[in-house]
C-alpha atoms as a PDB file:
ATOM      1  CA  MET A   1      24.228 -12.777 -13.404  1.00  0.00           C
ATOM      2  CA  PHE A   2      26.997 -14.826 -11.490  1.00  0.00           C
ATOM      3  CA  SER A   3      25.784 -18.124 -10.323  1.00  0.00           C
ATOM      4  CA  PHE A   4      26.393 -18.678  -6.373  1.00  0.00           C
ATOM      5  CA  GLY A   5      29.139 -21.007  -7.370  1.00  0.00           C
ATOM      6  CA  THR A   6      31.011 -18.619  -9.258  1.00  0.00           C
ATOM      7  CA  ILE A   7      30.647 -16.211  -6.587  1.00  0.00           C
ATOM      8  CA  ILE A   8      31.893 -18.581  -3.756  1.00  0.00           C
ATOM      9  CA  ALA A   9      34.887 -19.215  -6.175  1.00  0.00           C
ATOM     10  CA  ILE A  10      35.546 -15.858  -6.521  1.00  0.00           C
ATOM     11  CA  LEU A  11      35.554 -15.422  -2.891  1.00  0.00           C
ATOM     12  CA  VAL A  12      37.782 -18.343  -2.345  1.00  0.00           C
ATOM     13  CA  PHE A  13      40.510 -17.158  -4.898  1.00  0.00           C
ATOM     14  CA  LEU A  14      40.521 -13.550  -3.227  1.00  0.00           C
ATOM     15  CA  LEU A  15      40.634 -15.168   0.080  1.00  0.00           C
ATOM     16  CA  PHE A  16      43.852 -17.293  -0.674  1.00  0.00           C
ATOM     17  CA  SER A  17      45.637 -14.380  -2.616  1.00  0.00           C
ATOM     18  CA  CYS A  18      45.490 -12.223   0.296  1.00  0.00           C
ATOM     19  CA  PHE A  19      47.701 -14.606   2.156  1.00  0.00           C
ATOM     20  CA  LYS A  20      51.476 -14.872   1.183  1.00  0.00           C
ATOM     21  CA  ILE A  21      54.005 -16.699   2.729  1.00  0.00           C
ATOM     22  CA  LEU A  22      57.547 -15.536   2.619  1.00  0.00           C
ATOM     23  CA  PRO A  23      60.818 -17.761   3.620  1.00  0.00           C
ATOM     24  CA  GLU A  24      63.324 -16.733   6.028  1.00  0.00           C
ATOM     25  CA  TRP A  25      65.730 -15.229   3.208  1.00  0.00           C
ATOM     26  CA  GLN A  26      63.134 -12.918   1.865  1.00  0.00           C
ATOM     27  CA  ARG A  27      61.297  -9.769   2.591  1.00  0.00           C
ATOM     28  CA  GLY A  28      58.073  -8.331   0.998  1.00  0.00           C
ATOM     29  CA  LEU A  29      57.771  -4.853   0.101  1.00  0.00           C
ATOM     30  CA  VAL A  30      54.478  -3.616  -0.398  1.00  0.00           C
ATOM     31  CA  LEU A  31      53.117  -1.060  -2.654  1.00  0.00           C
ATOM     32  CA  ARG A  32      49.482   0.335  -1.805  1.00  0.00           C
ATOM     33  CA  PHE A  33      48.103   2.127  -4.961  1.00  0.00           C
ATOM     34  CA  GLY A  34      51.627   2.735  -5.963  1.00  0.00           C
ATOM     35  CA  ARG A  35      53.027   3.906  -2.863  1.00  0.00           C
ATOM     36  CA  PHE A  36      55.692   2.502  -0.244  1.00  0.00           C
ATOM     37  CA  VAL A  37      54.069   1.250   3.021  1.00  0.00           C
ATOM     38  CA  GLY A  38      56.363  -0.796   4.395  1.00  0.00           C
ATOM     39  CA  VAL A  39      58.527  -4.281   4.315  1.00  0.00           C
ATOM     40  CA  ARG A  40      56.936  -7.552   5.695  1.00  0.00           C
ATOM     41  CA  GLY A  41      57.889 -10.979   6.581  1.00  0.00           C
ATOM     42  CA  PRO A  42      59.385 -13.453   6.558  1.00  0.00           C
ATOM     43  CA  GLY A  43      56.335 -15.806   7.511  1.00  0.00           C
ATOM     44  CA  LEU A  44      52.767 -14.891   6.597  1.00  0.00           C
ATOM     45  CA  ILE A  45      51.644 -11.759   4.746  1.00  0.00           C
ATOM     46  CA  ILE A  46      48.773 -10.627   4.879  1.00  0.00           C
ATOM     47  CA  ILE A  47      47.337  -8.094   1.734  1.00  0.00           C
ATOM     48  CA  ILE A  48      44.636  -6.412   0.133  1.00  0.00           C
ATOM     49  CA  PRO A  49      44.007  -7.942  -3.371  1.00  0.00           C
ATOM     50  CA  GLY A  50      43.638  -5.012  -6.230  1.00  0.00           C
ATOM     51  CA  VAL A  51      45.061  -2.580  -3.433  1.00  0.00           C
ATOM     52  CA  GLU A  52      48.161  -3.619  -2.326  1.00  0.00           C
ATOM     53  CA  ARG A  53      50.920  -5.158  -4.176  1.00  0.00           C
ATOM     54  CA  MET A  54      54.062  -6.953  -2.727  1.00  0.00           C
ATOM     55  CA  ILE A  55      57.624  -7.292  -4.323  1.00  0.00           C
ATOM     56  CA  ARG A  56      59.983 -10.061  -3.241  1.00  0.00           C
ATOM     57  CA  VAL A  57      63.426  -9.184  -2.163  1.00  0.00           C
ATOM     58  CA  ASP A  58      65.977 -11.750  -1.776  1.00  0.00           C
ATOM     59  CA  THR A  59      68.011 -10.697   1.064  1.00  0.00           C
ATOM     60  CA  ARG A  60      70.778 -13.914   1.013  1.00  0.00           C
ATOM     61  CA  THR A  61      74.623 -13.026  -0.110  1.00  0.00           C
ATOM     62  CA  ILE A  62      74.679 -13.071  -4.093  1.00  0.00           C
ATOM     63  CA  THR A  63      77.436 -13.775  -6.491  1.00  0.00           C
ATOM     64  CA  MET A  64      78.313 -11.995  -9.026  1.00  0.00           C
ATOM     65  CA  ASP A  65      80.891 -12.996 -11.722  1.00  0.00           C
ATOM     66  CA  ILE A  66      82.527  -9.497 -13.428  1.00  0.00           C
ATOM     67  CA  PRO A  67      83.619 -10.366 -17.411  1.00  0.00           C
ATOM     68  CA  PRO A  68      87.242  -9.419 -18.311  1.00  0.00           C
ATOM     69  CA  GLN A  69      87.965  -6.183 -18.774  1.00  0.00           C
ATOM     70  CA  ASP A  70      90.577  -4.332 -20.843  1.00  0.00           C
ATOM     71  CA  VAL A  71      92.862  -2.501 -18.380  1.00  0.00           C
ATOM     72  CA  ILE A  72      95.937  -0.136 -19.077  1.00  0.00           C
ATOM     73  CA  THR A  73      98.159  -0.141 -16.084  1.00  0.00           C
ATOM     74  CA  LEU A  74     100.114   2.842 -15.000  1.00  0.00           C
ATOM     75  CA  ASP A  75     103.155   1.853 -16.896  1.00  0.00           C
ATOM     76  CA  ASN A  76     101.148   1.218 -20.277  1.00  0.00           C
ATOM     77  CA  VAL A  77     100.601  -2.527 -20.336  1.00  0.00           C
ATOM     78  CA  SER A  78      97.190  -3.903 -21.594  1.00  0.00           C
ATOM     79  CA  LEU A  79      96.035  -6.446 -19.273  1.00  0.00           C
ATOM     80  CA  LYS A  80      92.435  -8.536 -19.160  1.00  0.00           C
ATOM     81  CA  VAL A  81      91.413  -9.012 -15.847  1.00  0.00           C
ATOM     82  CA  ASN A  82      88.081 -10.590 -14.512  1.00  0.00           C
ATOM     83  CA  ALA A  83      86.774 -10.659 -10.639  1.00  0.00           C
ATOM     84  CA  VAL A  84      84.070 -11.936  -8.596  1.00  0.00           C
ATOM     85  CA  LEU A  85      81.694  -9.987  -6.184  1.00  0.00           C
ATOM     86  CA  TYR A  86      80.011 -10.750  -3.302  1.00  0.00           C
ATOM     87  CA  PHE A  87      76.985  -8.681  -2.330  1.00  0.00           C
ATOM     88  CA  ARG A  88      73.383  -8.722  -0.274  1.00  0.00           C
ATOM     89  CA  ILE A  89      70.662  -6.384   0.134  1.00  0.00           C
ATOM     90  CA  THR A  90      70.565  -4.759   3.465  1.00  0.00           C
ATOM     91  CA  ASP A  91      67.783  -2.010   2.831  1.00  0.00           C
ATOM     92  CA  PRO A  92      64.897  -3.704   0.559  1.00  0.00           C
ATOM     93  CA  GLU A  93      62.937  -0.144  -0.049  1.00  0.00           C
ATOM     94  CA  LYS A  94      66.044   1.642  -1.227  1.00  0.00           C
ATOM     95  CA  ALA A  95      66.773  -1.678  -3.472  1.00  0.00           C
ATOM     96  CA  ILE A  96      63.656  -1.270  -5.185  1.00  0.00           C
ATOM     97  CA  THR A  97      62.658   2.306  -4.667  1.00  0.00           C
ATOM     98  CA  LYS A  98      66.195   3.834  -5.628  1.00  0.00           C
ATOM     99  CA  VAL A  99      67.528   2.107  -8.359  1.00  0.00           C
ATOM    100  CA  GLU A 100      65.572   0.762 -11.422  1.00  0.00           C
ATOM    101  CA  ASP A 101      67.711  -2.767 -11.616  1.00  0.00           C
ATOM    102  CA  TYR A 102      69.916  -2.775  -8.411  1.00  0.00           C
ATOM    103  CA  HIS A 103      71.505  -6.162 -10.227  1.00  0.00           C
ATOM    104  CA  PHE A 104      72.285  -4.665 -13.653  1.00  0.00           C
ATOM    105  CA  ALA A 105      73.484  -1.390 -11.622  1.00  0.00           C
ATOM    106  CA  THR A 106      75.921  -3.186  -9.289  1.00  0.00           C
ATOM    107  CA  ALA A 107      77.546  -4.976 -12.154  1.00  0.00           C
ATOM    108  CA  GLN A 108      77.753  -1.827 -14.094  1.00  0.00           C
ATOM    109  CA  SER A 109      79.349  -0.230 -11.337  1.00  0.00           C
ATOM    110  CA  ALA A 110      81.805  -3.030 -10.516  1.00  0.00           C
ATOM    111  CA  GLN A 111      82.882  -3.122 -14.210  1.00  0.00           C
ATOM    112  CA  THR A 112      83.767   0.574 -14.423  1.00  0.00           C
ATOM    113  CA  THR A 113      85.610   0.411 -10.859  1.00  0.00           C
ATOM    114  CA  LEU A 114      87.478  -2.492 -11.516  1.00  0.00           C
ATOM    115  CA  ARG A 115      88.972  -0.679 -14.860  1.00  0.00           C
ATOM    116  CA  SER A 116      89.559   2.710 -13.165  1.00  0.00           C
ATOM    117  CA  THR A 117      91.197   1.511  -9.912  1.00  0.00           C
ATOM    118  CA  LEU A 118      93.187  -1.415 -11.613  1.00  0.00           C
ATOM    119  CA  GLY A 119      94.457   1.302 -14.156  1.00  0.00           C
ATOM    120  CA  GLN A 120      96.317   3.354 -11.125  1.00  0.00           C
ATOM    121  CA  TYR A 121      99.047   0.387 -10.376  1.00  0.00           C
ATOM    122  CA  GLN A 122     101.739  -0.634 -12.129  1.00  0.00           C
ATOM    123  CA  MET A 123     101.604  -4.322 -13.651  1.00  0.00           C
ATOM    124  CA  ASP A 124     104.077  -5.479 -10.832  1.00  0.00           C
ATOM    125  CA  ASP A 125     101.694  -4.222  -8.049  1.00  0.00           C
ATOM    126  CA  LEU A 126      98.825  -5.962  -9.518  1.00  0.00           C
ATOM    127  CA  LEU A 127     100.785  -9.399  -9.289  1.00  0.00           C
ATOM    128  CA  SER A 128     101.932  -8.820  -5.767  1.00  0.00           C
ATOM    129  CA  GLN A 129      99.574  -6.688  -4.000  1.00  0.00           C
ATOM    130  CA  ARG A 130      96.040  -8.814  -4.376  1.00  0.00           C
ATOM    131  CA  ASP A 131      95.158  -8.310  -1.108  1.00  0.00           C
ATOM    132  CA  LYS A 132      95.067  -4.670  -1.443  1.00  0.00           C
ATOM    133  CA  ILE A 133      93.702  -3.956  -4.221  1.00  0.00           C
ATOM    134  CA  ASN A 134      90.604  -6.416  -3.267  1.00  0.00           C
ATOM    135  CA  HIS A 135      89.959  -4.609  -0.199  1.00  0.00           C
ATOM    136  CA  THR A 136      90.346  -0.855  -2.139  1.00  0.00           C
ATOM    137  CA  LEU A 137      87.901  -2.061  -4.979  1.00  0.00           C
ATOM    138  CA  GLN A 138      85.583  -3.303  -1.664  1.00  0.00           C
ATOM    139  CA  ASP A 139      85.392   0.327  -0.374  1.00  0.00           C
ATOM    140  CA  ILE A 140      84.938   1.837  -3.479  1.00  0.00           C
ATOM    141  CA  LEU A 141      82.062  -0.429  -4.566  1.00  0.00           C
ATOM    142  CA  ASP A 142      80.302  -0.110  -0.661  1.00  0.00           C
ATOM    143  CA  ARG A 143      80.102   3.769  -0.925  1.00  0.00           C
ATOM    144  CA  ASP A 144      78.815   3.837  -4.398  1.00  0.00           C
ATOM    145  CA  THR A 145      75.901   0.950  -3.804  1.00  0.00           C
ATOM    146  CA  GLU A 146      75.179   2.185  -0.295  1.00  0.00           C
ATOM    147  CA  PRO A 147      72.498   4.796  -1.532  1.00  0.00           C
ATOM    148  CA  TRP A 148      70.561   1.717  -3.237  1.00  0.00           C
ATOM    149  CA  GLY A 149      70.645  -0.410   0.145  1.00  0.00           C
ATOM    150  CA  ILE A 150      73.530  -2.447  -0.921  1.00  0.00           C
ATOM    151  CA  LYS A 151      76.396  -3.874   1.078  1.00  0.00           C
ATOM    152  CA  ILE A 152      79.439  -5.086  -0.725  1.00  0.00           C
ATOM    153  CA  SER A 153      80.846  -8.331   1.624  1.00  0.00           C
ATOM    154  CA  LYS A 154      83.894  -8.982  -0.974  1.00  0.00           C
ATOM    155  CA  VAL A 155      85.621  -8.505  -4.341  1.00  0.00           C
ATOM    156  CA  GLU A 156      88.197 -10.633  -5.448  1.00  0.00           C
ATOM    157  CA  VAL A 157      90.286 -11.011  -8.442  1.00  0.00           C
ATOM    158  CA  LYS A 158      90.247 -13.905  -9.953  1.00  0.00           C
ATOM    159  CA  HIS A 159      92.584 -14.125 -13.041  1.00  0.00           C
ATOM    160  CA  ILE A 160      95.234 -11.672 -14.890  1.00  0.00           C
ATOM    161  CA  ASP A 161      95.810 -12.161 -18.393  1.00  0.00           C
ATOM    162  CA  LEU A 162      98.900 -10.991 -19.347  1.00  0.00           C
ATOM    163  CA  PRO A 163     100.027 -10.830 -22.877  1.00  0.00           C
ATOM    164  CA  LYS A 164     102.172 -13.470 -24.125  1.00  0.00           C
ATOM    165  CA  GLU A 165     104.875 -10.968 -25.144  1.00  0.00           C
ATOM    166  CA  MET A 166     104.951  -9.818 -21.343  1.00  0.00           C
ATOM    167  CA  GLN A 167     104.811 -13.474 -20.086  1.00  0.00           C
ATOM    168  CA  ARG A 168     107.715 -14.514 -22.085  1.00  0.00           C
ATOM    169  CA  ALA A 169     109.608 -11.509 -20.576  1.00  0.00           C
ATOM    170  CA  MET A 170     108.719 -12.089 -17.145  1.00  0.00           C
ATOM    171  CA  ALA A 171     109.858 -15.724 -17.906  1.00  0.00           C
ATOM    172  CA  ARG A 172     113.005 -14.246 -18.998  1.00  0.00           C
ATOM    173  CA  GLN A 173     113.226 -12.222 -15.985  1.00  0.00           C
ATOM    174  CA  ALA A 174     112.432 -15.022 -13.573  1.00  0.00           C
ATOM    175  CA  GLU A 175     115.518 -17.550 -15.355  1.00  0.00           C
ATOM    176  CA  ALA A 176     118.103 -14.794 -15.287  1.00  0.00           C
ATOM    177  CA  GLU A 177     117.308 -13.726 -11.292  1.00  0.00           C
ATOM    178  CA  ARG A 178     117.442 -17.823 -10.740  1.00  0.00           C
ATOM    179  CA  GLU A 179     120.830 -17.863 -12.337  1.00  0.00           C
ATOM    180  CA  ARG A 180     121.795 -14.399 -10.445  1.00  0.00           C
ATOM    181  CA  ARG A 181     121.041 -16.590  -7.156  1.00  0.00           C
ATOM    182  CA  ALA A 182     122.779 -19.519  -8.041  1.00  0.00           C
ATOM    183  CA  LYS A 183     126.035 -17.802  -8.740  1.00  0.00           C
ATOM    184  CA  VAL A 184     125.465 -15.423  -5.748  1.00  0.00           C
ATOM    185  CA  ILE A 185     125.528 -18.806  -3.761  1.00  0.00           C
ATOM    186  CA  SER A 186     128.120 -20.632  -5.406  1.00  0.00           C
ATOM    187  CA  ALA A 187     130.584 -17.336  -5.210  1.00  0.00           C
ATOM    188  CA  GLU A 188     129.742 -17.340  -1.138  1.00  0.00           C
ATOM    189  CA  GLY A 189     130.307 -21.024  -1.003  1.00  0.00           C
ATOM    190  CA  GLU A 190     133.998 -20.441  -2.580  1.00  0.00           C
ATOM    191  CA  PHE A 191     134.704 -17.741  -0.548  1.00  0.00           C
ATOM    192  CA  GLN A 192     133.888 -19.517   2.483  1.00  0.00           C
ATOM    193  CA  ARG A 193     135.826 -22.398   1.238  1.00  0.00           C
ATOM    194  CA  ALA A 194     138.977 -19.986   0.863  1.00  0.00           C
ATOM    195  CA  GLU A 195     138.406 -19.063   4.113  1.00  0.00           C
ATOM    196  CA  LYS A 196     138.793 -22.335   5.944  1.00  0.00           C
ATOM    197  CA  LEU A 197     141.623 -23.694   3.644  1.00  0.00           C
ATOM    198  CA  THR A 198     143.042 -20.338   4.825  1.00  0.00           C
ATOM    199  CA  GLU A 199     142.709 -21.447   8.196  1.00  0.00           C
ATOM    200  CA  ALA A 200     143.706 -24.613   7.690  1.00  0.00           C
ATOM    201  CA  SER A 201     146.619 -23.947   5.992  1.00  0.00           C
ATOM    202  CA  LYS A 202     148.038 -21.675   8.934  1.00  0.00           C
ATOM    203  CA  ILE A 203     147.306 -24.449  11.565  1.00  0.00           C
ATOM    204  CA  ILE A 204     149.095 -27.129   9.373  1.00  0.00           C
ATOM    205  CA  SER A 205     152.233 -24.798   8.086  1.00  0.00           C
ATOM    206  CA  SER A 206     152.535 -23.767  12.245  1.00  0.00           C
ATOM    207  CA  SER A 207     152.970 -27.710  13.315  1.00  0.00           C
ATOM    208  CA  PRO A 208     155.099 -30.276  11.448  1.00  0.00           C
ATOM    209  CA  ALA A 209     153.407 -33.520  13.037  1.00  0.00           C
ATOM    210  CA  ALA A 210     150.099 -31.832  11.387  1.00  0.00           C
ATOM    211  CA  ILE A 211     151.900 -31.958   8.092  1.00  0.00           C
ATOM    212  CA  GLN A 212     152.587 -35.497   8.679  1.00  0.00           C
ATOM    213  CA  LEU A 213     148.629 -36.255   9.741  1.00  0.00           C
ATOM    214  CA  ALA A 214     147.542 -34.510   6.674  1.00  0.00           C
ATOM    215  CA  TYR A 215     149.979 -36.654   4.212  1.00  0.00           C
ATOM    216  CA  LEU A 216     148.320 -39.895   6.194  1.00  0.00           C
ATOM    217  CA  GLN A 217     144.782 -38.951   5.513  1.00  0.00           C
ATOM    218  CA  ALA A 218     145.455 -38.273   1.796  1.00  0.00           C
ATOM    219  CA  LEU A 219     147.310 -41.749   1.938  1.00  0.00           C
ATOM    220  CA  ASN A 220     144.523 -43.398   3.251  1.00  0.00           C
ATOM    221  CA  GLU A 221     141.762 -41.795   1.159  1.00  0.00           C
ATOM    222  CA  ILE A 222     143.425 -42.734  -2.121  1.00  0.00           C
ATOM    223  CA  SER A 223     144.207 -46.606  -1.019  1.00  0.00           C
ATOM    224  CA  SER A 224     140.248 -46.446  -0.162  1.00  0.00           C
ATOM    225  CA  GLU A 225     139.676 -46.138  -4.096  1.00  0.00           C
ATOM    226  CA  GLY A 226     141.116 -49.115  -4.879  1.00  0.00           C
ATOM    227  CA  ALA A 227     144.336 -48.052  -6.682  1.00  0.00           C
ATOM    228  CA  ARG A 228     147.498 -50.519  -7.089  1.00  0.00           C
ATOM    229  CA  THR A 229     150.032 -47.906  -7.422  1.00  0.00           C
ATOM    230  CA  ILE A 230     150.510 -44.710  -5.741  1.00  0.00           C
ATOM    231  CA  VAL A 231     153.026 -42.206  -6.390  1.00  0.00           C
ATOM    232  CA  PHE A 232     153.295 -39.468  -4.349  1.00  0.00           C
ATOM    233  CA  PRO A 233     156.082 -36.697  -3.049  1.00  0.00           C
ATOM    234  CA  ILE A 234     157.521 -37.180   0.443  1.00  0.00           C
ATOM    235  CA  PRO A 235     158.037 -34.003   1.843  1.00  0.00           C
ATOM    236  CA  MET A 236     161.662 -33.330   3.899  1.00  0.00           C
ATOM    237  CA  ASN A 237     160.213 -32.479   7.136  1.00  0.00           C
ATOM    238  CA  LEU A 238     158.431 -35.655   6.849  1.00  0.00           C
ATOM    239  CA  LEU A 239     161.960 -37.643   6.768  1.00  0.00           C
ATOM    240  CA  ASP A 240     163.273 -34.930   9.340  1.00  0.00           C
ATOM    241  CA  ALA A 241     161.011 -36.705  11.956  1.00  0.00           C
ATOM    242  CA  PHE A 242     162.443 -40.059  10.963  1.00  0.00           C
ATOM    243  CA  LYS A 243     166.151 -38.662  11.571  1.00  0.00           C
ATOM    244  CA  THR A 244     165.651 -36.972  14.854  1.00  0.00           C
ATOM    245  CA  SER A 245     163.887 -40.178  15.983  1.00  0.00           C
ATOM    246  CA  GLN A 246     167.417 -42.090  14.873  1.00  0.00           C
ATOM    247  CA  LYS A 247     169.594 -39.750  15.953  1.00  0.00           C
ATOM    248  CA  THR A 248     167.675 -40.055  19.596  1.00  0.00           C
ATOM    249  CA  GLU A 249     168.521 -43.893  19.163  1.00  0.00           C
ATOM    250  CA  ASN A 250     171.911 -43.921  18.907  1.00  0.00           C
END
């Protein structure tokens, strides 16, 4: 027979096993003889030893890293793409009773969805439409995991690993595009320069005084360069101005 002290120890153990304390971010799924009877918590929880069993469920946002997946784009380019998934449990009952392992199931669903969804885009769209793709992945995964009591908060494509040949081709394409833009800018500059020169030539040709000022300006610029000997042609219309002034004086 059990001693009185042993009985007291057993009673104390059973008494303390009745009380469970759950933090703010946890909920307790209580099963009575294997049947779900309710979700309890947070705080102090009382269960019946040997009759009820409690399963702790974390309701905080869970971060899941999706490993690199082989993706073949719509234009037949092979890529490796990884992503990160943020989700949380909104219904602890469904997360435990509707799926065997909600964490593993969510991971598998995210991997298959990533491969199938990205395969519907061309490579250029994958590189330029990240936000749109992220929202599409989130909507699909949210619908798939809703029966499990899981809410997908966010999906982010982290890295797209391009083949070496494709990287070199894109580098050549970018370099060609930069050269094209440089040539276009240079051509536009030459065109504007020709327009300004045409306007200036019209103004100068219509005014002899403007021609004289242009020659004087050129002499001033040449002399500022430190040249000792300057040889330049004298236009006849410049001498005509001096002849006209001499006739006026006579």
